[in-house]
Amino acid sequence: MAQSAGGISVACLLGRPSAKGLFAQAVLQSGAGHHALPPAAAVRMAGHLAERLHVAPERQALAGVPLDELLAAQQTLAQDAQLLVDPARWGEDTTDLVFGPVIDGDVVLDLPILRITAGSARDVPILIGANRDEWRLFLVPNGLVDGVDDALLSSTATRYGLDAGALEIYRASRPGGSAGEVLADVITDWYFRIPAIRMAEAQADVGGGAWMYEFSWPSPRFGGRLGACHGLELSFVFDTLDPEALKALPDGEKPRALATETHRAWVHFISEGDPGWPRYDRDRRPVQDFGQQVRLVEDPRKEQRALWAALR
């Protein structure tokens, strides 16, 4: 069971033959099977990192760099590669992760979703999903959400293969939303929601069990603009809400009952192999929504999901 990069690691295990039989079920929160780099991309990004650190692009040279310097260079390189669109410099394969698992043919044999689609994890029930507003964590606290204009929104959508008509569907689903808020929706789908759906589909297709959730309770922080951002579900899953933080919320908005319900579902899946709602299938596409109320929704935001059919 893991979240974000941990969820990606779980997906890698689900696609690895030597991990077969080592665990009974798996939970993947905000991380799925589309995230792995081809070797050439990894070598290229390591070269850019070494260049910024003024060392040779070799294991020993990078190991000799102080950790704080290494992490700072890694962070700025990732930001530049994802914000400054330049395929000639970064490569076409950096629209996903700049740093991540590498398809080395030994530990990671192929893109995990391809392995899982072929049935590598058919005997492992999975609980998988994402948060409604994942990418807002990376746009709202730093103020970048207000610096996004229509040109940046359009160029990013184009980079992901979406056309102007697709953007209109996203805008229609977020009435009155700014360009930055719509951009957050697009990137959330690219990184988190669509890969989670693809893994649930793959498990359903091969006869394995998959249960999908979405966490949509909006954080009141930053005037409510943070939404159900990346990582917000963790305190609910473990039922560890901060009592001091809750004091500032009106009684009607205190999400204690939501934490109880979320925690109960995860525990029931871990102990019984079933979180308590219908398995995912391509016909109904049931998703348990953990938001202002806990409810089962069939095929949420169907129009946006359909946009990615040939893209992701």
C-alpha atoms as a PDB file:
ATOM      1  CA  MET A   1       0.000   0.000   0.000  1.00  0.00           C
ATOM      2  CA  ALA A   2       1.499   3.334  -0.989  1.00  0.00           C
ATOM      3  CA  GLN A   3       0.830   6.840  -2.282  1.00  0.00           C
ATOM      4  CA  SER A   4       2.281   8.999  -5.080  1.00  0.00           C
ATOM      5  CA  ALA A   5       5.815   7.747  -5.897  1.00  0.00           C
ATOM      6  CA  GLY A   6       5.025   4.827  -3.625  1.00  0.00           C
ATOM      7  CA  GLY A   7       1.969   3.983  -5.715  1.00  0.00           C
ATOM      8  CA  ILE A   8       4.171   4.028  -8.810  1.00  0.00           C
ATOM      9  CA  SER A   9       6.536   1.623  -7.059  1.00  0.00           C
ATOM     10  CA  VAL A  10       3.638  -0.697  -6.228  1.00  0.00           C
ATOM     11  CA  ALA A  11       2.676  -0.683  -9.913  1.00  0.00           C
ATOM     12  CA  CYS A  12       6.251  -1.673 -10.794  1.00  0.00           C
ATOM     13  CA  LEU A  13       5.967  -4.607  -8.366  1.00  0.00           C
ATOM     14  CA  LEU A  14       2.646  -5.646  -9.912  1.00  0.00           C
ATOM     15  CA  GLY A  15       4.435  -5.918 -13.251  1.00  0.00           C
ATOM     16  CA  ARG A  16       7.458  -7.809 -11.938  1.00  0.00           C
ATOM     17  CA  PRO A  17       7.433 -11.640 -12.268  1.00  0.00           C
ATOM     18  CA  SER A  18       9.640 -12.205  -9.200  1.00  0.00           C
ATOM     19  CA  ALA A  19       7.085 -10.381  -7.004  1.00  0.00           C
ATOM     20  CA  LYS A  20       4.301 -12.813  -7.943  1.00  0.00           C
ATOM     21  CA  GLY A  21       2.762 -14.377  -4.856  1.00  0.00           C
ATOM     22  CA  LEU A  22       4.468 -12.054  -2.380  1.00  0.00           C
ATOM     23  CA  PHE A  23       1.371 -10.023  -1.483  1.00  0.00           C
ATOM     24  CA  ALA A  24      -2.359 -10.692  -1.402  1.00  0.00           C
ATOM     25  CA  GLN A  25      -3.670  -7.306  -2.552  1.00  0.00           C
ATOM     26  CA  ALA A  26      -2.412  -3.804  -3.303  1.00  0.00           C
ATOM     27  CA  VAL A  27      -3.480  -0.199  -2.697  1.00  0.00           C
ATOM     28  CA  LEU A  28      -2.290   2.501  -5.098  1.00  0.00           C
ATOM     29  CA  GLN A  29      -3.122   6.083  -4.147  1.00  0.00           C
ATOM     30  CA  SER A  30      -2.342   8.815  -6.695  1.00  0.00           C
ATOM     31  CA  GLY A  31       0.214   6.704  -8.513  1.00  0.00           C
ATOM     32  CA  ALA A  32      -0.230   4.032 -11.163  1.00  0.00           C
ATOM     33  CA  GLY A  33       1.447   2.183 -14.012  1.00  0.00           C
ATOM     34  CA  HIS A  34       2.208   4.782 -16.681  1.00  0.00           C
ATOM     35  CA  HIS A  35       5.237   6.248 -14.956  1.00  0.00           C
ATOM     36  CA  ALA A  36       8.572   4.795 -16.052  1.00  0.00           C
ATOM     37  CA  LEU A  37      11.356   6.229 -18.184  1.00  0.00           C
ATOM     38  CA  PRO A  38      13.085   4.582 -21.124  1.00  0.00           C
ATOM     39  CA  PRO A  39      16.850   4.263 -20.537  1.00  0.00           C
ATOM     40  CA  ALA A  40      17.782   6.964 -23.058  1.00  0.00           C
ATOM     41  CA  ALA A  41      15.621   9.516 -21.242  1.00  0.00           C
ATOM     42  CA  ALA A  42      17.156   8.605 -17.889  1.00  0.00           C
ATOM     43  CA  VAL A  43      20.684   8.939 -19.262  1.00  0.00           C
ATOM     44  CA  ARG A  44      19.824  12.280 -20.845  1.00  0.00           C
ATOM     45  CA  MET A  45      18.361  13.722 -17.623  1.00  0.00           C
ATOM     46  CA  ALA A  46      21.295  12.431 -15.572  1.00  0.00           C
ATOM     47  CA  GLY A  47      23.568  14.297 -17.981  1.00  0.00           C
ATOM     48  CA  HIS A  48      21.618  17.535 -17.487  1.00  0.00           C
ATOM     49  CA  LEU A  49      21.810  17.066 -13.714  1.00  0.00           C
ATOM     50  CA  ALA A  50      25.555  16.473 -13.795  1.00  0.00           C
ATOM     51  CA  GLU A  51      26.015  19.539 -15.992  1.00  0.00           C
ATOM     52  CA  ARG A  52      24.220  21.729 -13.438  1.00  0.00           C
ATOM     53  CA  LEU A  53      26.352  20.329 -10.652  1.00  0.00           C
ATOM     54  CA  HIS A  54      29.575  20.749 -12.674  1.00  0.00           C
ATOM     55  CA  VAL A  55      30.564  17.100 -12.282  1.00  0.00           C
ATOM     56  CA  ALA A  56      31.020  14.192 -14.662  1.00  0.00           C
ATOM     57  CA  PRO A  57      27.831  12.243 -15.490  1.00  0.00           C
ATOM     58  CA  GLU A  58      29.040   9.207 -13.564  1.00  0.00           C
ATOM     59  CA  ARG A  59      27.807   7.385 -10.470  1.00  0.00           C
ATOM     60  CA  GLN A  60      30.833   8.197  -8.273  1.00  0.00           C
ATOM     61  CA  ALA A  61      30.869  11.870  -9.245  1.00  0.00           C
ATOM     62  CA  LEU A  62      27.184  12.341  -8.450  1.00  0.00           C
ATOM     63  CA  ALA A  63      27.557  10.392  -5.191  1.00  0.00           C
ATOM     64  CA  GLY A  64      30.201  12.874  -4.067  1.00  0.00           C
ATOM     65  CA  VAL A  65      27.863  15.884  -4.311  1.00  0.00           C
ATOM     66  CA  PRO A  66      26.482  17.087  -0.929  1.00  0.00           C
ATOM     67  CA  LEU A  67      22.900  15.905  -0.536  1.00  0.00           C
ATOM     68  CA  ASP A  68      21.335  19.365  -0.206  1.00  0.00           C
ATOM     69  CA  GLU A  69      23.021  20.514  -3.432  1.00  0.00           C
ATOM     70  CA  LEU A  70      21.950  17.364  -5.244  1.00  0.00           C
ATOM     71  CA  LEU A  71      18.318  17.706  -4.194  1.00  0.00           C
ATOM     72  CA  ALA A  72      18.203  21.426  -5.051  1.00  0.00           C
ATOM     73  CA  ALA A  73      19.592  20.772  -8.537  1.00  0.00           C
ATOM     74  CA  GLN A  74      17.183  17.878  -9.028  1.00  0.00           C
ATOM     75  CA  GLN A  75      14.213  20.064  -8.086  1.00  0.00           C
ATOM     76  CA  THR A  76      15.117  22.964 -10.369  1.00  0.00           C
ATOM     77  CA  LEU A  77      15.878  20.611 -13.246  1.00  0.00           C
ATOM     78  CA  ALA A  78      12.477  18.953 -12.876  1.00  0.00           C
ATOM     79  CA  GLN A  79      10.718  22.326 -12.811  1.00  0.00           C
ATOM     80  CA  ASP A  80      12.576  23.566 -15.887  1.00  0.00           C
ATOM     81  CA  ALA A  81      11.929  20.405 -17.886  1.00  0.00           C
ATOM     82  CA  GLN A  82       8.199  20.475 -17.168  1.00  0.00           C
ATOM     83  CA  LEU A  83       7.576  24.228 -17.415  1.00  0.00           C
ATOM     84  CA  LEU A  84       9.965  25.229 -20.214  1.00  0.00           C
ATOM     85  CA  VAL A  85       8.649  23.119 -23.083  1.00  0.00           C
ATOM     86  CA  ASP A  86      11.611  22.272 -25.330  1.00  0.00           C
ATOM     87  CA  PRO A  87      11.507  18.738 -26.776  1.00  0.00           C
ATOM     88  CA  ALA A  88      14.815  19.327 -28.550  1.00  0.00           C
ATOM     89  CA  ARG A  89      16.529  19.744 -25.177  1.00  0.00           C
ATOM     90  CA  TRP A  90      14.532  17.533 -22.850  1.00  0.00           C
ATOM     91  CA  GLY A  91      13.146  14.936 -25.268  1.00  0.00           C
ATOM     92  CA  GLU A  92       9.586  13.984 -26.108  1.00  0.00           C
ATOM     93  CA  ASP A  93       9.380  11.531 -23.205  1.00  0.00           C
ATOM     94  CA  THR A  94       9.614  14.076 -20.372  1.00  0.00           C
ATOM     95  CA  THR A  95       5.932  15.044 -20.428  1.00  0.00           C
ATOM     96  CA  ASP A  96       5.524  12.473 -17.694  1.00  0.00           C
ATOM     97  CA  LEU A  97       8.233  12.177 -15.029  1.00  0.00           C
ATOM     98  CA  VAL A  98      11.672  13.725 -15.144  1.00  0.00           C
ATOM     99  CA  PHE A  99      12.925  11.374 -12.438  1.00  0.00           C
ATOM    100  CA  GLY A 100      11.325   7.996 -11.841  1.00  0.00           C
ATOM    101  CA  PRO A 101      11.649   4.244 -12.356  1.00  0.00           C
ATOM    102  CA  VAL A 102      13.726   3.292 -15.381  1.00  0.00           C
ATOM    103  CA  ILE A 103      12.829   0.456 -17.751  1.00  0.00           C
ATOM    104  CA  ASP A 104      16.171  -1.300 -17.393  1.00  0.00           C
ATOM    105  CA  GLY A 105      15.051  -4.791 -18.455  1.00  0.00           C
ATOM    106  CA  ASP A 106      16.034  -6.177 -15.068  1.00  0.00           C
ATOM    107  CA  VAL A 107      14.086  -4.585 -12.207  1.00  0.00           C
ATOM    108  CA  VAL A 108      11.501  -2.867 -14.445  1.00  0.00           C
ATOM    109  CA  LEU A 109      10.950  -5.002 -17.519  1.00  0.00           C
ATOM    110  CA  ASP A 110       8.500  -2.725 -19.326  1.00  0.00           C
ATOM    111  CA  LEU A 111       6.046   0.071 -18.667  1.00  0.00           C
ATOM    112  CA  PRO A 112       4.105  -1.394 -15.704  1.00  0.00           C
ATOM    113  CA  ILE A 113       0.671  -0.785 -17.242  1.00  0.00           C
ATOM    114  CA  LEU A 114       1.664  -2.917 -20.241  1.00  0.00           C
ATOM    115  CA  ARG A 115       2.671  -5.790 -17.973  1.00  0.00           C
ATOM    116  CA  ILE A 116      -0.521  -5.453 -15.931  1.00  0.00           C
ATOM    117  CA  THR A 117      -2.673  -5.272 -19.066  1.00  0.00           C
ATOM    118  CA  ALA A 118      -1.077  -8.573 -20.104  1.00  0.00           C
ATOM    119  CA  GLY A 119      -2.233 -10.126 -16.824  1.00  0.00           C
ATOM    120  CA  SER A 120       0.835  -9.946 -14.591  1.00  0.00           C
ATOM    121  CA  ALA A 121      -1.315  -8.995 -11.570  1.00  0.00           C
ATOM    122  CA  ARG A 122      -4.598 -10.756 -12.339  1.00  0.00           C
ATOM    123  CA  ASP A 123      -4.482 -12.586  -8.993  1.00  0.00           C
ATOM    124  CA  VAL A 124      -3.964  -9.409  -6.949  1.00  0.00           C
ATOM    125  CA  PRO A 125      -7.070  -7.383  -6.053  1.00  0.00           C
ATOM    126  CA  ILE A 126      -6.309  -3.661  -6.157  1.00  0.00           C
ATOM    127  CA  LEU A 127      -7.781  -0.536  -4.627  1.00  0.00           C
ATOM    128  CA  ILE A 128      -6.811   2.431  -6.762  1.00  0.00           C
ATOM    129  CA  GLY A 129      -7.776   6.047  -7.295  1.00  0.00           C
ATOM    130  CA  ALA A 130      -6.808   9.693  -7.152  1.00  0.00           C
ATOM    131  CA  ASN A 131      -7.813  13.006  -5.614  1.00  0.00           C
ATOM    132  CA  ARG A 132     -10.130  15.397  -7.446  1.00  0.00           C
ATOM    133  CA  ASP A 133      -7.669  18.298  -7.594  1.00  0.00           C
ATOM    134  CA  GLU A 134      -4.253  16.634  -7.352  1.00  0.00           C
ATOM    135  CA  TRP A 135      -2.213  19.213  -9.261  1.00  0.00           C
ATOM    136  CA  ARG A 136      -3.438  22.177  -7.251  1.00  0.00           C
ATOM    137  CA  LEU A 137      -0.836  21.303  -4.617  1.00  0.00           C
ATOM    138  CA  PHE A 138       1.805  22.318  -7.163  1.00  0.00           C
ATOM    139  CA  LEU A 139       0.062  25.476  -8.403  1.00  0.00           C
ATOM    140  CA  VAL A 140      -1.834  27.079  -5.517  1.00  0.00           C
ATOM    141  CA  PRO A 141       0.549  27.413  -2.510  1.00  0.00           C
ATOM    142  CA  ASN A 142       3.280  28.971  -4.686  1.00  0.00           C
ATOM    143  CA  GLY A 143       0.855  31.294  -6.492  1.00  0.00           C
ATOM    144  CA  LEU A 144       1.572  29.855  -9.936  1.00  0.00           C
ATOM    145  CA  VAL A 145      -2.137  29.181 -10.487  1.00  0.00           C
ATOM    146  CA  ASP A 146      -2.712  32.923 -10.986  1.00  0.00           C
ATOM    147  CA  GLY A 147       0.138  33.236 -13.482  1.00  0.00           C
ATOM    148  CA  VAL A 148      -1.352  30.767 -15.932  1.00  0.00           C
ATOM    149  CA  ASP A 149      -2.890  32.369 -19.006  1.00  0.00           C
ATOM    150  CA  ASP A 150      -4.839  30.906 -21.911  1.00  0.00           C
ATOM    151  CA  ALA A 151      -1.670  30.569 -23.992  1.00  0.00           C
ATOM    152  CA  LEU A 152       0.071  28.396 -21.393  1.00  0.00           C
ATOM    153  CA  LEU A 153      -3.088  26.365 -20.868  1.00  0.00           C
ATOM    154  CA  SER A 154      -3.419  25.766 -24.604  1.00  0.00           C
ATOM    155  CA  SER A 155       0.256  24.875 -25.125  1.00  0.00           C
ATOM    156  CA  THR A 156       0.218  22.405 -22.233  1.00  0.00           C
ATOM    157  CA  ALA A 157      -2.974  20.771 -23.507  1.00  0.00           C
ATOM    158  CA  THR A 158      -1.418  20.512 -26.983  1.00  0.00           C
ATOM    159  CA  ARG A 159       1.655  18.906 -25.464  1.00  0.00           C
ATOM    160  CA  TYR A 160      -0.611  16.202 -24.043  1.00  0.00           C
ATOM    161  CA  GLY A 161      -2.440  15.755 -27.350  1.00  0.00           C
ATOM    162  CA  LEU A 162      -5.630  17.665 -26.488  1.00  0.00           C
ATOM    163  CA  ASP A 163      -7.143  20.088 -28.987  1.00  0.00           C
ATOM    164  CA  ALA A 164      -9.191  23.265 -28.512  1.00  0.00           C
ATOM    165  CA  GLY A 165     -12.425  21.298 -28.421  1.00  0.00           C
ATOM    166  CA  ALA A 166     -11.115  19.175 -25.561  1.00  0.00           C
ATOM    167  CA  LEU A 167     -10.205  22.305 -23.618  1.00  0.00           C
ATOM    168  CA  GLU A 168     -13.738  23.594 -24.021  1.00  0.00           C
ATOM    169  CA  ILE A 169     -15.015  20.411 -22.365  1.00  0.00           C
ATOM    170  CA  TYR A 170     -12.657  20.993 -19.453  1.00  0.00           C
ATOM    171  CA  ARG A 171     -13.717  24.639 -19.159  1.00  0.00           C
ATOM    172  CA  ALA A 172     -17.390  23.643 -19.189  1.00  0.00           C
ATOM    173  CA  SER A 173     -16.801  21.277 -16.276  1.00  0.00           C
ATOM    174  CA  ARG A 174     -15.244  24.089 -14.216  1.00  0.00           C
ATOM    175  CA  PRO A 175     -17.714  27.022 -14.653  1.00  0.00           C
ATOM    176  CA  GLY A 176     -16.021  30.305 -13.825  1.00  0.00           C
ATOM    177  CA  GLY A 177     -12.687  28.586 -13.331  1.00  0.00           C
ATOM    178  CA  SER A 178      -9.491  30.416 -14.180  1.00  0.00           C
ATOM    179  CA  ALA A 179      -7.006  29.189 -16.765  1.00  0.00           C
ATOM    180  CA  GLY A 180      -4.823  27.959 -13.899  1.00  0.00           C
ATOM    181  CA  GLU A 181      -7.654  25.966 -12.354  1.00  0.00           C
ATOM    182  CA  VAL A 182      -8.516  24.360 -15.685  1.00  0.00           C
ATOM    183  CA  LEU A 183      -4.826  23.572 -16.212  1.00  0.00           C
ATOM    184  CA  ALA A 184      -4.784  21.818 -12.833  1.00  0.00           C
ATOM    185  CA  ASP A 185      -7.705  19.652 -13.980  1.00  0.00           C
ATOM    186  CA  VAL A 186      -5.943  18.707 -17.217  1.00  0.00           C
ATOM    187  CA  ILE A 187      -2.654  17.794 -15.525  1.00  0.00           C
ATOM    188  CA  THR A 188      -4.466  15.951 -12.737  1.00  0.00           C
ATOM    189  CA  ASP A 189      -6.083  13.736 -15.344  1.00  0.00           C
ATOM    190  CA  TRP A 190      -2.824  13.202 -17.231  1.00  0.00           C
ATOM    191  CA  TYR A 191      -0.701  12.268 -14.219  1.00  0.00           C
ATOM    192  CA  PHE A 192      -3.160  10.642 -11.861  1.00  0.00           C
ATOM    193  CA  ARG A 193      -6.787   9.945 -12.793  1.00  0.00           C
ATOM    194  CA  ILE A 194      -6.431   8.466 -16.280  1.00  0.00           C
ATOM    195  CA  PRO A 195      -3.528   6.141 -15.342  1.00  0.00           C
ATOM    196  CA  ALA A 196      -5.606   4.935 -12.367  1.00  0.00           C
ATOM    197  CA  ILE A 197      -8.571   4.269 -14.659  1.00  0.00           C
ATOM    198  CA  ARG A 198      -6.362   2.374 -17.111  1.00  0.00           C
ATOM    199  CA  MET A 199      -5.088   0.096 -14.362  1.00  0.00           C
ATOM    200  CA  ALA A 200      -8.614  -0.580 -13.100  1.00  0.00           C
ATOM    201  CA  GLU A 201      -9.682  -1.347 -16.681  1.00  0.00           C
ATOM    202  CA  ALA A 202      -6.737  -3.692 -17.141  1.00  0.00           C
ATOM    203  CA  GLN A 203      -7.559  -5.627 -13.997  1.00  0.00           C
ATOM    204  CA  ALA A 204     -11.211  -5.883 -14.993  1.00  0.00           C
ATOM    205  CA  ASP A 205     -10.277  -7.099 -18.475  1.00  0.00           C
ATOM    206  CA  VAL A 206      -8.044  -9.928 -17.224  1.00  0.00           C
ATOM    207  CA  GLY A 207     -10.522 -11.042 -14.591  1.00  0.00           C
ATOM    208  CA  GLY A 208      -8.799  -9.507 -11.581  1.00  0.00           C
ATOM    209  CA  GLY A 209     -10.549  -7.450  -8.950  1.00  0.00           C
ATOM    210  CA  ALA A 210     -10.241  -3.660  -8.990  1.00  0.00           C
ATOM    211  CA  TRP A 211     -12.053  -1.082  -6.893  1.00  0.00           C
ATOM    212  CA  MET A 212     -11.824   2.625  -7.757  1.00  0.00           C
ATOM    213  CA  TYR A 213     -12.184   5.612  -5.467  1.00  0.00           C
ATOM    214  CA  GLU A 214     -11.936   9.366  -5.796  1.00  0.00           C
ATOM    215  CA  PHE A 215     -11.193  11.665  -2.879  1.00  0.00           C
ATOM    216  CA  SER A 216     -12.988  14.972  -3.423  1.00  0.00           C
ATOM    217  CA  TRP A 217     -13.276  16.651   0.002  1.00  0.00           C
ATOM    218  CA  PRO A 218     -11.979  20.218  -0.550  1.00  0.00           C
ATOM    219  CA  SER A 219      -9.445  21.610   1.874  1.00  0.00           C
ATOM    220  CA  PRO A 220     -10.442  25.031   3.243  1.00  0.00           C
ATOM    221  CA  ARG A 221      -6.849  26.259   3.017  1.00  0.00           C
ATOM    222  CA  PHE A 222      -5.885  29.082   0.649  1.00  0.00           C
ATOM    223  CA  GLY A 223      -9.464  30.262   0.625  1.00  0.00           C
ATOM    224  CA  GLY A 224     -10.656  26.868  -0.564  1.00  0.00           C
ATOM    225  CA  ARG A 225      -8.558  27.030  -3.723  1.00  0.00           C
ATOM    226  CA  LEU A 226      -6.385  24.080  -2.695  1.00  0.00           C
ATOM    227  CA  GLY A 227      -9.320  21.716  -3.239  1.00  0.00           C
ATOM    228  CA  ALA A 228      -8.808  17.985  -2.858  1.00  0.00           C
ATOM    229  CA  CYS A 229      -5.118  18.264  -3.647  1.00  0.00           C
ATOM    230  CA  HIS A 230      -2.308  15.727  -3.821  1.00  0.00           C
ATOM    231  CA  GLY A 231      -1.714  14.012  -0.488  1.00  0.00           C
ATOM    232  CA  LEU A 232      -4.824  15.369   1.224  1.00  0.00           C
ATOM    233  CA  GLU A 233      -6.387  11.908   1.596  1.00  0.00           C
ATOM    234  CA  LEU A 234      -3.573  10.513   3.751  1.00  0.00           C
ATOM    235  CA  SER A 235      -4.839  11.796   7.093  1.00  0.00           C
ATOM    236  CA  PHE A 236      -8.281  10.440   6.234  1.00  0.00           C
ATOM    237  CA  VAL A 237      -6.987   7.017   5.212  1.00  0.00           C
ATOM    238  CA  PHE A 238      -5.087   6.671   8.493  1.00  0.00           C
ATOM    239  CA  ASP A 239      -7.747   8.545  10.523  1.00  0.00           C
ATOM    240  CA  THR A 240      -5.152  10.925  11.939  1.00  0.00           C
ATOM    241  CA  LEU A 241      -6.858  14.296  11.487  1.00  0.00           C
ATOM    242  CA  ASP A 242      -5.153  17.047  13.461  1.00  0.00           C
ATOM    243  CA  PRO A 243      -7.521  18.104  16.288  1.00  0.00           C
ATOM    244  CA  GLU A 244      -5.974  21.584  16.427  1.00  0.00           C
ATOM    245  CA  ALA A 245      -6.504  22.147  12.704  1.00  0.00           C
ATOM    246  CA  LEU A 246     -10.125  21.047  12.977  1.00  0.00           C
ATOM    247  CA  LYS A 247     -10.883  23.644  15.645  1.00  0.00           C
ATOM    248  CA  ALA A 248     -10.790  26.397  13.036  1.00  0.00           C
ATOM    249  CA  LEU A 249     -13.538  24.762  10.974  1.00  0.00           C
ATOM    250  CA  PRO A 250     -17.264  25.300  11.568  1.00  0.00           C
ATOM    251  CA  ASP A 251     -18.903  22.245  13.113  1.00  0.00           C
ATOM    252  CA  GLY A 252     -20.748  21.405   9.904  1.00  0.00           C
ATOM    253  CA  GLU A 253     -17.501  21.285   7.956  1.00  0.00           C
ATOM    254  CA  LYS A 254     -15.460  19.127  10.312  1.00  0.00           C
ATOM    255  CA  PRO A 255     -14.724  15.946   8.348  1.00  0.00           C
ATOM    256  CA  ARG A 256     -14.448  13.477  11.220  1.00  0.00           C
ATOM    257  CA  ALA A 257     -17.157  11.212   9.780  1.00  0.00           C
ATOM    258  CA  LEU A 258     -15.371  11.220   6.421  1.00  0.00           C
ATOM    259  CA  ALA A 259     -12.129  10.121   8.073  1.00  0.00           C
ATOM    260  CA  THR A 260     -13.982   7.304   9.815  1.00  0.00           C
ATOM    261  CA  GLU A 261     -15.565   6.115   6.559  1.00  0.00           C
ATOM    262  CA  THR A 262     -12.348   6.379   4.529  1.00  0.00           C
ATOM    263  CA  HIS A 263     -10.293   4.559   7.144  1.00  0.00           C
ATOM    264  CA  ARG A 264     -12.934   1.851   7.474  1.00  0.00           C
ATOM    265  CA  ALA A 265     -12.950   1.198   3.715  1.00  0.00           C
ATOM    266  CA  TRP A 266      -9.162   0.847   3.531  1.00  0.00           C
ATOM    267  CA  VAL A 267      -9.024  -1.433   6.564  1.00  0.00           C
ATOM    268  CA  HIS A 268     -11.819  -3.606   5.166  1.00  0.00           C
ATOM    269  CA  PHE A 269      -9.994  -3.946   1.845  1.00  0.00           C
ATOM    270  CA  ILE A 270      -6.747  -4.864   3.593  1.00  0.00           C
ATOM    271  CA  SER A 271      -8.390  -7.399   5.902  1.00  0.00           C
ATOM    272  CA  GLU A 272     -11.138  -8.781   3.633  1.00  0.00           C
ATOM    273  CA  GLY A 273     -10.033  -7.912   0.078  1.00  0.00           C
ATOM    274  CA  ASP A 274     -13.130  -5.783  -0.581  1.00  0.00           C
ATOM    275  CA  PRO A 275     -13.601  -2.113   0.436  1.00  0.00           C
ATOM    276  CA  GLY A 276     -17.387  -2.276   0.341  1.00  0.00           C
ATOM    277  CA  TRP A 277     -18.575  -1.077  -3.072  1.00  0.00           C
ATOM    278  CA  PRO A 278     -18.881  -2.741  -6.516  1.00  0.00           C
ATOM    279  CA  ARG A 279     -15.847  -3.794  -8.488  1.00  0.00           C
ATOM    280  CA  TYR A 280     -14.815  -1.611 -11.397  1.00  0.00           C
ATOM    281  CA  ASP A 281     -16.004  -2.624 -14.850  1.00  0.00           C
ATOM    282  CA  ARG A 282     -16.126  -0.881 -18.224  1.00  0.00           C
ATOM    283  CA  ASP A 283     -19.929  -0.816 -18.378  1.00  0.00           C
ATOM    284  CA  ARG A 284     -20.898   0.952 -15.153  1.00  0.00           C
ATOM    285  CA  ARG A 285     -17.458   2.274 -14.083  1.00  0.00           C
ATOM    286  CA  PRO A 286     -18.409   2.572 -10.379  1.00  0.00           C
ATOM    287  CA  VAL A 287     -16.240   4.927  -8.332  1.00  0.00           C
ATOM    288  CA  GLN A 288     -16.636   5.525  -4.596  1.00  0.00           C
ATOM    289  CA  ASP A 289     -16.466   9.277  -3.993  1.00  0.00           C
ATOM    290  CA  PHE A 290     -15.091  10.350  -0.613  1.00  0.00           C
ATOM    291  CA  GLY A 291     -16.201  13.979  -0.427  1.00  0.00           C
ATOM    292  CA  GLN A 292     -18.738  16.100   1.395  1.00  0.00           C
ATOM    293  CA  GLN A 293     -20.645  12.828   1.471  1.00  0.00           C
ATOM    294  CA  VAL A 294     -19.532   9.286   0.703  1.00  0.00           C
ATOM    295  CA  ARG A 295     -21.407   8.037  -2.352  1.00  0.00           C
ATOM    296  CA  LEU A 296     -21.081   5.723  -5.321  1.00  0.00           C
ATOM    297  CA  VAL A 297     -20.802   7.520  -8.673  1.00  0.00           C
ATOM    298  CA  GLU A 298     -20.868   5.842 -12.065  1.00  0.00           C
ATOM    299  CA  ASP A 299     -18.325   7.082 -14.616  1.00  0.00           C
ATOM    300  CA  PRO A 300     -17.613  10.507 -13.070  1.00  0.00           C
ATOM    301  CA  ARG A 301     -16.624  13.189 -15.602  1.00  0.00           C
ATOM    302  CA  LYS A 302     -17.260  10.830 -18.471  1.00  0.00           C
ATOM    303  CA  GLU A 303     -16.654  13.481 -21.124  1.00  0.00           C
ATOM    304  CA  GLN A 304     -13.139  14.243 -19.904  1.00  0.00           C
ATOM    305  CA  ARG A 305     -12.296  10.561 -19.540  1.00  0.00           C
ATOM    306  CA  ALA A 306     -13.319   9.923 -23.159  1.00  0.00           C
ATOM    307  CA  LEU A 307     -10.918  12.622 -24.408  1.00  0.00           C
ATOM    308  CA  TRP A 308      -7.914  10.505 -23.425  1.00  0.00           C
ATOM    309  CA  ALA A 309      -9.021   7.290 -25.152  1.00  0.00           C
ATOM    310  CA  ALA A 310      -6.285   7.368 -27.775  1.00  0.00           C
ATOM    311  CA  LEU A 311      -3.804   9.474 -25.828  1.00  0.00           C
ATOM    312  CA  ARG A 312      -3.170   7.975 -22.410  1.00  0.00           C
END
